Amino acid sequence: MSGIIPYDPLNTPQPFAERVWIVDGPEIRMDVGPFKAPFPTRMTVVRLLSGDLWIHSPIAPDPALFERIEALGPVRHLIAPNSLHYWYMSDWLARYPEAISHAVPGLERAKRPFRIDRTLAPGTSMAWEGEIAWVVMQGAVVNEAVFFVRHASVCVLTDLIENFEPARVPNRLMRWIIRLGGADGSTPLDMRATYLLRRRRIAGAAREILDWPVEKVVMAHGRPYERDGAAELQRALSWAVRR
């Protein structure tokens, strides 16, 4: 299946909000039924008041990328935000062994193991949560931690919303799969399915997210929302809070 037109330039931090950068990385291929589907990758970098960097969903390692990140500040926190977005944690921890790694529950059994220093489980506290709020959407198969960068009013999520742009998907079959699967600005149907058995808990977590005063939203796959973030979240997550 043909690829997706990337968000250039790759491996280069792009300002998204005050002390927040997004970095688009190389395309990966994931199993979707009988297909190897192309997925763009993206990580988010936040510089805390201390000057330390908090990095969400690290992308494939690259020497030039490391240099560009280090120019922003020292890497202190590395985040594996959901059950699927962890593959490159070991590479980044090898580069930054003094960084603290954070991971959602269940990644102790990851296919590519990595050191986990803090588990992003409900009821735990993190050193950075005075600057970055967070909540966990716990599913039957996939767990995802969603974050709110307070000073910049930015919501950072992974697969809870996917926002593939049709104009960047040359393959007609791929465009049809994206629309059918709800990956064009909403929670994909396969992600929703993993939450069905825990509907009450998921509704509570979603309401916490919707209570944040969000202005911008960045996700791992597709076009970020650079304005009207609260309204976009309300639309995309309405399924989770619907009675």
Foldseek 3Di string as FASTA:
>chain_A
DDEFFFDPDALAWDDQFVQKTKHKHDWAFDDDPPGGYIFTFMKMWGQDPVQEIAIELDDDDDVVSVVNVVVSGHHAEYEQFKPPRDQCVQVVCVVVVNHAYEYEPPQCPPPRDDDHRYYPDPPDDDPCCVQKPWDWQDFQRMIGIWIARQVGLEIETEQQAAAADPVRDPDPVVVVCCVVQVNNQARGPVVVVRRVVVLVVQLVRLVVVLPRSHAWYDYTGHDTRSGPVSVSSCVRCVVSNPD
